[in-house]
PDB file of N, CA and C in Angstrom:
ATOM      1  N   UNK A   1       9.480 -22.142  13.539  1.00  0.00           N
ATOM      2  CA  UNK A   1       8.734 -20.949  13.134  1.00  0.00           C
ATOM      3  C   UNK A   1       9.722 -20.631  11.804  1.00  0.00           C
ATOM      4  N   UNK A   2       9.081 -19.356  11.203  1.00  0.00           N
ATOM      5  CA  UNK A   2       9.050 -18.922  10.181  1.00  0.00           C
ATOM      6  C   UNK A   2       8.750 -17.353  10.101  1.00  0.00           C
ATOM      7  N   UNK A   3       8.976 -16.968   8.875  1.00  0.00           N
ATOM      8  CA  UNK A   3       8.567 -15.670   8.849  1.00  0.00           C
ATOM      9  C   UNK A   3       7.579 -15.502   8.136  1.00  0.00           C
ATOM     10  N   UNK A   4       6.549 -14.614   8.486  1.00  0.00           N
ATOM     11  CA  UNK A   4       5.578 -14.331   7.858  1.00  0.00           C
ATOM     12  C   UNK A   4       5.676 -13.667   6.196  1.00  0.00           C
ATOM     13  N   UNK A   5       4.843 -14.839   5.133  1.00  0.00           N
ATOM     14  CA  UNK A   5       5.473 -13.848   4.058  1.00  0.00           C
ATOM     15  C   UNK A   5       4.427 -12.568   3.757  1.00  0.00           C
ATOM     16  N   UNK A   6       3.595 -12.244   4.735  1.00  0.00           N
ATOM     17  CA  UNK A   6       2.975 -10.677   4.713  1.00  0.00           C
ATOM     18  C   UNK A   6       3.849  -9.853   5.523  1.00  0.00           C
ATOM     19  N   UNK A   7       4.794  -9.884   5.469  1.00  0.00           N
ATOM     20  CA  UNK A   7       5.980  -8.654   6.254  1.00  0.00           C
ATOM     21  C   UNK A   7       7.453  -8.633   4.979  1.00  0.00           C
ATOM     22  N   UNK A   8       7.345  -7.790   4.719  1.00  0.00           N
ATOM     23  CA  UNK A   8       8.777  -7.359   3.519  1.00  0.00           C
ATOM     24  C   UNK A   8       9.900  -6.628   4.396  1.00  0.00           C
ATOM     25  N   UNK A   9      10.930  -6.904   3.984  1.00  0.00           N
ATOM     26  CA  UNK A   9      11.806  -6.320   4.338  1.00  0.00           C
ATOM     27  C   UNK A   9      12.617  -5.634   3.251  1.00  0.00           C
ATOM     28  N   UNK A  10      12.682  -4.387   3.600  1.00  0.00           N
ATOM     29  CA  UNK A  10      13.223  -3.192   2.566  1.00  0.00           C
ATOM     30  C   UNK A  10      14.161  -2.049   3.426  1.00  0.00           C
ATOM     31  N   UNK A  11      15.142  -1.923   2.518  1.00  0.00           N
ATOM     32  CA  UNK A  11      16.141  -1.153   3.050  1.00  0.00           C
ATOM     33  C   UNK A  11      15.431   0.982   3.136  1.00  0.00           C
ATOM     34  N   UNK A  12      15.806   1.009   3.880  1.00  0.00           N
ATOM     35  CA  UNK A  12      15.018   2.674   4.227  1.00  0.00           C
ATOM     36  C   UNK A  12      16.013   3.579   4.690  1.00  0.00           C
ATOM     37  N   UNK A  13      16.736   4.530   4.259  1.00  0.00           N
ATOM     38  CA  UNK A  13      17.916   5.458   4.366  1.00  0.00           C
ATOM     39  C   UNK A  13      18.954   4.406   5.005  1.00  0.00           C
ATOM     40  N   UNK A  14      19.307   3.410   4.733  1.00  0.00           N
ATOM     41  CA  UNK A  14      20.643   2.906   5.072  1.00  0.00           C
ATOM     42  C   UNK A  14      20.339   2.002   6.522  1.00  0.00           C
ATOM     43  N   UNK A  15      19.103   1.809   6.836  1.00  0.00           N
ATOM     44  CA  UNK A  15      18.485   0.890   7.400  1.00  0.00           C
ATOM     45  C   UNK A  15      17.796  -0.181   7.036  1.00  0.00           C
ATOM     46  N   UNK A  16      17.145  -1.292   7.662  1.00  0.00           N
ATOM     47  CA  UNK A  16      16.460  -2.064   7.368  1.00  0.00           C
ATOM     48  C   UNK A  16      15.197  -2.237   8.195  1.00  0.00           C
ATOM     49  N   UNK A  17      14.148  -2.135   7.366  1.00  0.00           N
ATOM     50  CA  UNK A  17      12.642  -2.346   8.235  1.00  0.00           C
ATOM     51  C   UNK A  17      11.630  -3.466   7.692  1.00  0.00           C
ATOM     52  N   UNK A  18      10.770  -3.870   8.587  1.00  0.00           N
ATOM     53  CA  UNK A  18       9.933  -4.718   8.154  1.00  0.00           C
ATOM     54  C   UNK A  18       8.789  -3.857   8.175  1.00  0.00           C
ATOM     55  N   UNK A  19       8.076  -4.130   7.384  1.00  0.00           N
ATOM     56  CA  UNK A  19       6.577  -3.559   6.552  1.00  0.00           C
ATOM     57  C   UNK A  19       5.821  -4.368   6.545  1.00  0.00           C
ATOM     58  N   UNK A  20       4.066  -4.351   6.949  1.00  0.00           N
ATOM     59  CA  UNK A  20       3.288  -5.292   6.756  1.00  0.00           C
ATOM     60  C   UNK A  20       2.965  -5.164   5.002  1.00  0.00           C
ATOM     61  N   UNK A  21       2.479  -5.884   4.183  1.00  0.00           N
ATOM     62  CA  UNK A  21       1.743  -5.970   3.338  1.00  0.00           C
ATOM     63  C   UNK A  21       0.364  -6.526   3.276  1.00  0.00           C
ATOM     64  N   UNK A  22      -0.614  -6.785   2.145  1.00  0.00           N
ATOM     65  CA  UNK A  22      -1.533  -7.373   2.099  1.00  0.00           C
ATOM     66  C   UNK A  22      -2.776  -7.191   3.168  1.00  0.00           C
ATOM     67  N   UNK A  23      -3.240  -8.156   3.587  1.00  0.00           N
ATOM     68  CA  UNK A  23      -4.361  -8.178   4.459  1.00  0.00           C
ATOM     69  C   UNK A  23      -3.836  -7.598   6.117  1.00  0.00           C
ATOM     70  N   UNK A  24      -2.417  -8.094   6.283  1.00  0.00           N
ATOM     71  CA  UNK A  24      -1.394  -7.562   7.141  1.00  0.00           C
ATOM     72  C   UNK A  24      -1.562  -5.963   7.866  1.00  0.00           C
ATOM     73  N   UNK A  25      -1.691  -5.523   6.388  1.00  0.00           N
ATOM     74  CA  UNK A  25      -2.519  -3.856   7.001  1.00  0.00           C
ATOM     75  C   UNK A  25      -2.614  -3.836   7.856  1.00  0.00           C
ATOM     76  N   UNK A  26      -4.128  -4.175   7.944  1.00  0.00           N
ATOM     77  CA  UNK A  26      -5.056  -4.278   8.946  1.00  0.00           C
ATOM     78  C   UNK A  26      -4.679  -4.651  10.043  1.00  0.00           C
ATOM     79  N   UNK A  27      -3.971  -5.584  10.428  1.00  0.00           N
ATOM     80  CA  UNK A  27      -3.660  -6.035  11.932  1.00  0.00           C
ATOM     81  C   UNK A  27      -2.504  -4.975  12.070  1.00  0.00           C
ATOM     82  N   UNK A  28      -1.444  -4.521  11.992  1.00  0.00           N
ATOM     83  CA  UNK A  28      -0.142  -4.019  12.065  1.00  0.00           C
ATOM     84  C   UNK A  28      -0.122  -3.139  10.867  1.00  0.00           C
ATOM     85  N   UNK A  29      -0.355  -1.673  11.423  1.00  0.00           N
ATOM     86  CA  UNK A  29       0.241  -0.624  10.371  1.00  0.00           C
ATOM     87  C   UNK A  29       1.488  -0.067  10.486  1.00  0.00           C
ATOM     88  N   UNK A  30       2.310  -0.519  11.623  1.00  0.00           N
ATOM     89  CA  UNK A  30       3.779   0.286  11.575  1.00  0.00           C
ATOM     90  C   UNK A  30       4.779  -0.568  10.818  1.00  0.00           C
ATOM     91  N   UNK A  31       5.999   0.088  11.116  1.00  0.00           N
ATOM     92  CA  UNK A  31       6.816  -0.627  10.534  1.00  0.00           C
ATOM     93  C   UNK A  31       8.058  -1.114  11.737  1.00  0.00           C
ATOM     94  N   UNK A  32       9.126  -1.849  11.439  1.00  0.00           N
ATOM     95  CA  UNK A  32       9.999  -2.187  12.180  1.00  0.00           C
ATOM     96  C   UNK A  32      11.357  -2.281  12.163  1.00  0.00           C
ATOM     97  N   UNK A  33      12.141  -1.494  12.547  1.00  0.00           N
ATOM     98  CA  UNK A  33      13.520  -1.540  12.097  1.00  0.00           C
ATOM     99  C   UNK A  33      14.261  -3.039  12.808  1.00  0.00           C
ATOM    100  N   UNK A  34      15.096  -3.244  11.720  1.00  0.00           N
ATOM    101  CA  UNK A  34      15.874  -3.990  12.098  1.00  0.00           C
ATOM    102  C   UNK A  34      17.338  -3.613  11.807  1.00  0.00           C
ATOM    103  N   UNK A  35      18.314  -4.443  13.281  1.00  0.00           N
ATOM    104  CA  UNK A  35      20.011  -3.793  13.133  1.00  0.00           C
ATOM    105  C   UNK A  35      20.295  -5.014  12.287  1.00  0.00           C
ATOM    106  N   UNK A  36      21.700  -5.087  11.905  1.00  0.00           N
ATOM    107  CA  UNK A  36      22.350  -6.146  11.048  1.00  0.00           C
ATOM    108  C   UNK A  36      22.080  -7.486  11.486  1.00  0.00           C
ATOM    109  N   UNK A  37      22.457  -7.806  12.927  1.00  0.00           N
ATOM    110  CA  UNK A  37      21.712  -8.816  13.429  1.00  0.00           C
ATOM    111  C   UNK A  37      20.202  -9.360  13.165  1.00  0.00           C
ATOM    112  N   UNK A  38      19.643  -8.660  13.319  1.00  0.00           N
ATOM    113  CA  UNK A  38      18.092  -8.727  12.985  1.00  0.00           C
ATOM    114  C   UNK A  38      17.676  -9.238  11.933  1.00  0.00           C
ATOM    115  N   UNK A  39      18.204  -8.460  10.608  1.00  0.00           N
ATOM    116  CA  UNK A  39      18.322  -9.061   9.148  1.00  0.00           C
ATOM    117  C   UNK A  39      18.698  -9.936   9.078  1.00  0.00           C
ATOM    118  N   UNK A  40      19.946 -10.458   9.657  1.00  0.00           N
ATOM    119  CA  UNK A  40      20.467 -11.725   9.353  1.00  0.00           C
ATOM    120  C   UNK A  40      18.977 -12.694   9.958  1.00  0.00           C
ATOM    121  N   UNK A  41      18.828 -12.663  11.313  1.00  0.00           N
ATOM    122  CA  UNK A  41      17.634 -13.374  11.335  1.00  0.00           C
ATOM    123  C   UNK A  41      16.532 -13.598  10.573  1.00  0.00           C
ATOM    124  N   UNK A  42      15.951 -12.480  10.143  1.00  0.00           N
ATOM    125  CA  UNK A  42      14.976 -12.603   9.269  1.00  0.00           C
ATOM    126  C   UNK A  42      15.230 -13.389   7.739  1.00  0.00           C
ATOM    127  N   UNK A  43      16.403 -13.069   7.697  1.00  0.00           N
ATOM    128  CA  UNK A  43      16.880 -13.732   6.048  1.00  0.00           C
ATOM    129  C   UNK A  43      16.595 -15.573   6.502  1.00  0.00           C
ATOM    130  N   UNK A  44      17.385 -15.692   7.877  1.00  0.00           N
ATOM    131  CA  UNK A  44      17.558 -16.928   8.190  1.00  0.00           C
ATOM    132  C   UNK A  44      15.968 -17.639   8.201  1.00  0.00           C
ATOM    133  N   UNK A  45      14.967 -16.760   8.512  1.00  0.00           N
ATOM    134  CA  UNK A  45      13.629 -17.293   9.031  1.00  0.00           C
ATOM    135  C   UNK A  45      12.727 -17.723   7.536  1.00  0.00           C
ATOM    136  N   UNK A  46      13.365 -17.609   6.356  1.00  0.00           N
ATOM    137  CA  UNK A  46      12.411 -17.428   5.285  1.00  0.00           C
ATOM    138  C   UNK A  46      12.468 -18.953   5.308  1.00  0.00           C
ATOM    139  N   UNK A  47      13.728 -19.918   5.610  1.00  0.00           N
ATOM    140  CA  UNK A  47      12.553 -21.264   5.773  1.00  0.00           C
ATOM    141  C   UNK A  47      12.539 -21.665   7.580  1.00  0.00           C
ATOM    142  N   UNK A  48      11.963 -22.489   7.670  1.00  0.00           N
ATOM    143  CA  UNK A  48      11.156 -22.779   9.181  1.00  0.00           C
ATOM    144  C   UNK A  48      12.807 -23.569   9.396  1.00  0.00           C
ATOM    145  N   UNK A  49      12.766 -22.749  10.759  1.00  0.00           N
ATOM    146  CA  UNK A  49      14.017 -22.793  11.587  1.00  0.00           C
ATOM    147  C   UNK A  49      13.542 -23.214  13.357  1.00  0.00           C
ATOM    148  N   UNK A  50      14.469 -23.631  13.948  1.00  0.00           N
ATOM    149  CA  UNK A  50      14.065 -24.002  15.157  1.00  0.00           C
ATOM    150  C   UNK A  50      15.065 -23.107  16.148  1.00  0.00           C
ATOM    151  N   UNK A  51      14.530 -22.878  16.896  1.00  0.00           N
ATOM    152  CA  UNK A  51      15.742 -21.933  18.257  1.00  0.00           C
ATOM    153  C   UNK A  51      17.132 -22.230  18.030  1.00  0.00           C
ATOM    154  N   UNK A  52      17.055 -23.220  18.042  1.00  0.00           N
ATOM    155  CA  UNK A  52      18.440 -24.376  18.457  1.00  0.00           C
ATOM    156  C   UNK A  52      19.261 -23.758  16.604  1.00  0.00           C
ATOM    157  N   UNK A  53      18.442 -23.803  15.841  1.00  0.00           N
ATOM    158  CA  UNK A  53      19.000 -23.882  14.410  1.00  0.00           C
ATOM    159  C   UNK A  53      19.481 -22.201  14.302  1.00  0.00           C
ATOM    160  N   UNK A  54      18.260 -21.460  14.458  1.00  0.00           N
ATOM    161  CA  UNK A  54      19.184 -19.868  14.639  1.00  0.00           C
ATOM    162  C   UNK A  54      19.906 -19.749  15.545  1.00  0.00           C
ATOM    163  N   UNK A  55      20.438 -19.968  16.700  1.00  0.00           N
ATOM    164  CA  UNK A  55      21.178 -19.366  17.600  1.00  0.00           C
ATOM    165  C   UNK A  55      22.316 -20.102  16.748  1.00  0.00           C
ATOM    166  N   UNK A  56      22.457 -21.582  16.565  1.00  0.00           N
ATOM    167  CA  UNK A  56      23.872 -21.893  15.825  1.00  0.00           C
ATOM    168  C   UNK A  56      24.442 -21.232  14.510  1.00  0.00           C
ATOM    169  N   UNK A  57      23.295 -20.810  13.759  1.00  0.00           N
ATOM    170  CA  UNK A  57      23.647 -20.037  12.521  1.00  0.00           C
ATOM    171  C   UNK A  57      24.051 -18.698  13.181  1.00  0.00           C
ATOM    172  N   UNK A  58      23.499 -18.271  14.330  1.00  0.00           N
ATOM    173  CA  UNK A  58      24.060 -16.985  14.966  1.00  0.00           C
ATOM    174  C   UNK A  58      25.385 -17.085  15.353  1.00  0.00           C
ATOM    175  N   UNK A  59      25.832 -17.770  16.023  1.00  0.00           N
ATOM    176  CA  UNK A  59      26.854 -18.312  16.634  1.00  0.00           C
ATOM    177  C   UNK A  59      27.977 -18.476  15.793  1.00  0.00           C
ATOM    178  N   UNK A  60      27.955 -19.152  14.519  1.00  0.00           N
ATOM    179  CA  UNK A  60      28.892 -19.512  13.884  1.00  0.00           C
ATOM    180  C   UNK A  60      29.196 -18.278  13.043  1.00  0.00           C
ATOM    181  N   UNK A  61      27.857 -17.237  12.291  1.00  0.00           N
ATOM    182  CA  UNK A  61      28.327 -16.022  11.657  1.00  0.00           C
ATOM    183  C   UNK A  61      29.103 -15.134  12.596  1.00  0.00           C
ATOM    184  N   UNK A  62      28.473 -14.753  14.071  1.00  0.00           N
ATOM    185  CA  UNK A  62      29.113 -13.914  14.380  1.00  0.00           C
ATOM    186  C   UNK A  62      30.266 -14.306  15.488  1.00  0.00           C
ATOM    187  N   UNK A  63      29.948 -15.342  15.970  1.00  0.00           N
ATOM    188  CA  UNK A  63      31.290 -15.982  16.467  1.00  0.00           C
ATOM    189  C   UNK A  63      31.022 -15.531  18.028  1.00  0.00           C
ATOM    190  N   UNK A  64      29.574 -15.490  18.638  1.00  0.00           N
ATOM    191  CA  UNK A  64      29.753 -15.557  19.849  1.00  0.00           C
ATOM    192  C   UNK A  64      28.787 -16.820  20.176  1.00  0.00           C
ATOM    193  N   UNK A  65      28.389 -17.059  21.707  1.00  0.00           N
ATOM    194  CA  UNK A  65      28.347 -17.904  22.426  1.00  0.00           C
ATOM    195  C   UNK A  65      26.909 -18.661  22.130  1.00  0.00           C
ATOM    196  N   UNK A  66      26.989 -19.838  22.111  1.00  0.00           N
ATOM    197  CA  UNK A  66      25.445 -20.593  21.480  1.00  0.00           C
ATOM    198  C   UNK A  66      24.216 -20.494  22.610  1.00  0.00           C
ATOM    199  N   UNK A  67      24.425 -20.517  23.838  1.00  0.00           N
ATOM    200  CA  UNK A  67      23.536 -20.313  24.813  1.00  0.00           C
ATOM    201  C   UNK A  67      23.307 -18.700  25.025  1.00  0.00           C
ATOM    202  N   UNK A  68      23.965 -18.115  24.723  1.00  0.00           N
ATOM    203  CA  UNK A  68      23.595 -16.428  24.952  1.00  0.00           C
ATOM    204  C   UNK A  68      22.829 -15.886  23.440  1.00  0.00           C
ATOM    205  N   UNK A  69      23.098 -16.569  22.082  1.00  0.00           N
ATOM    206  CA  UNK A  69      22.695 -16.086  21.083  1.00  0.00           C
ATOM    207  C   UNK A  69      20.908 -16.733  21.596  1.00  0.00           C
ATOM    208  N   UNK A  70      21.073 -17.911  22.101  1.00  0.00           N
ATOM    209  CA  UNK A  70      19.447 -18.199  21.736  1.00  0.00           C
ATOM    210  C   UNK A  70      18.654 -17.453  22.952  1.00  0.00           C
ATOM    211  N   UNK A  71      19.258 -16.980  24.050  1.00  0.00           N
ATOM    212  CA  UNK A  71      18.386 -15.868  24.741  1.00  0.00           C
ATOM    213  C   UNK A  71      18.003 -14.469  24.146  1.00  0.00           C
ATOM    214  N   UNK A  72      18.959 -14.521  23.213  1.00  0.00           N
ATOM    215  CA  UNK A  72      19.178 -12.989  22.901  1.00  0.00           C
ATOM    216  C   UNK A  72      18.263 -13.231  21.817  1.00  0.00           C
ATOM    217  N   UNK A  73      18.102 -14.029  20.704  1.00  0.00           N
ATOM    218  CA  UNK A  73      16.955 -14.494  19.827  1.00  0.00           C
ATOM    219  C   UNK A  73      15.864 -14.730  20.331  1.00  0.00           C
ATOM    220  N   UNK A  74      15.569 -15.176  21.362  1.00  0.00           N
ATOM    221  CA  UNK A  74      14.411 -15.078  22.041  1.00  0.00           C
ATOM    222  C   UNK A  74      13.646 -13.409  22.232  1.00  0.00           C
ATOM    223  N   UNK A  75      14.582 -12.517  22.824  1.00  0.00           N
ATOM    224  CA  UNK A  75      14.437 -11.314  23.313  1.00  0.00           C
ATOM    225  C   UNK A  75      13.731 -10.753  21.431  1.00  0.00           C
ATOM    226  N   UNK A  76      14.964 -11.065  20.724  1.00  0.00           N
ATOM    227  CA  UNK A  76      14.698 -10.551  19.423  1.00  0.00           C
ATOM    228  C   UNK A  76      12.809 -10.803  18.564  1.00  0.00           C
ATOM    229  N   UNK A  77      12.592 -12.350  18.987  1.00  0.00           N
ATOM    230  CA  UNK A  77      11.767 -12.418  18.558  1.00  0.00           C
ATOM    231  C   UNK A  77      10.269 -12.570  19.266  1.00  0.00           C
ATOM    232  N   UNK A  78      10.706 -12.113  20.364  1.00  0.00           N
ATOM    233  CA  UNK A  78       9.048 -11.356  21.495  1.00  0.00           C
ATOM    234  C   UNK A  78       8.510 -10.490  20.653  1.00  0.00           C
ATOM    235  N   UNK A  79       8.540  -9.503  20.091  1.00  0.00           N
ATOM    236  CA  UNK A  79       7.762  -8.641  19.869  1.00  0.00           C
ATOM    237  C   UNK A  79       7.446  -8.748  18.400  1.00  0.00           C
ATOM    238  N   UNK A  80       8.309  -9.940  17.556  1.00  0.00           N
ATOM    239  CA  UNK A  80       7.627 -10.094  16.256  1.00  0.00           C
ATOM    240  C   UNK A  80       6.369 -11.023  15.780  1.00  0.00           C
ATOM    241  N   UNK A  81       6.689 -11.784  17.234  1.00  0.00           N
ATOM    242  CA  UNK A  81       5.450 -12.413  17.310  1.00  0.00           C
ATOM    243  C   UNK A  81       4.119 -12.281  17.831  1.00  0.00           C
ATOM    244  N   UNK A  82       4.500 -11.022  18.408  1.00  0.00           N
ATOM    245  CA  UNK A  82       3.319 -10.480  19.036  1.00  0.00           C
ATOM    246  C   UNK A  82       2.157  -9.710  18.023  1.00  0.00           C
ATOM    247  N   UNK A  83       3.326  -9.482  16.630  1.00  0.00           N
ATOM    248  CA  UNK A  83       2.550  -8.494  15.664  1.00  0.00           C
ATOM    249  C   UNK A  83       2.201  -9.534  14.676  1.00  0.00           C
ATOM    250  N   UNK A  84       2.753 -10.805  14.904  1.00  0.00           N
ATOM    251  CA  UNK A  84       2.649 -12.171  13.672  1.00  0.00           C
ATOM    252  C   UNK A  84       3.664 -11.912  12.305  1.00  0.00           C
ATOM    253  N   UNK A  85       5.019 -11.423  12.631  1.00  0.00           N
ATOM    254  CA  UNK A  85       5.794 -11.203  11.507  1.00  0.00           C
ATOM    255  C   UNK A  85       6.098 -12.599  11.687  1.00  0.00           C
ATOM    256  N   UNK A  86       6.437 -13.333  12.774  1.00  0.00           N
ATOM    257  CA  UNK A  86       7.361 -14.535  13.133  1.00  0.00           C
ATOM    258  C   UNK A  86       5.976 -15.436  13.419  1.00  0.00           C
ATOM    259  N   UNK A  87       5.804 -16.601  12.893  1.00  0.00           N
ATOM    260  CA  UNK A  87       5.138 -17.770  12.860  1.00  0.00           C
ATOM    261  C   UNK A  87       5.702 -18.987  13.606  1.00  0.00           C
ATOM    262  N   UNK A  88       5.015 -19.493  14.645  1.00  0.00           N
ATOM    263  CA  UNK A  88       5.950 -20.971  15.082  1.00  0.00           C
ATOM    264  C   UNK A  88       5.085 -22.003  14.428  1.00  0.00           C
TER     265      UNK A  88
END
């Protein structure tokens, strides 16, 4: 999976948001607020990654359990997939 280049991450008031650009604005006209781990995952998705690769990066960086990371990442990805910000 990989992030959709029709979404950009920008800092806004000390937080990070994803906003659509180009043709994607016609499909989704909102913004998505990211916390620090969301920002980390979005940056990881600049390149095509599997769920296991994302979970390993998360577990290594934040010193959390690999299996729990996978579950948490799936929860994070669900709404991003629904708006096509992340493409499988």
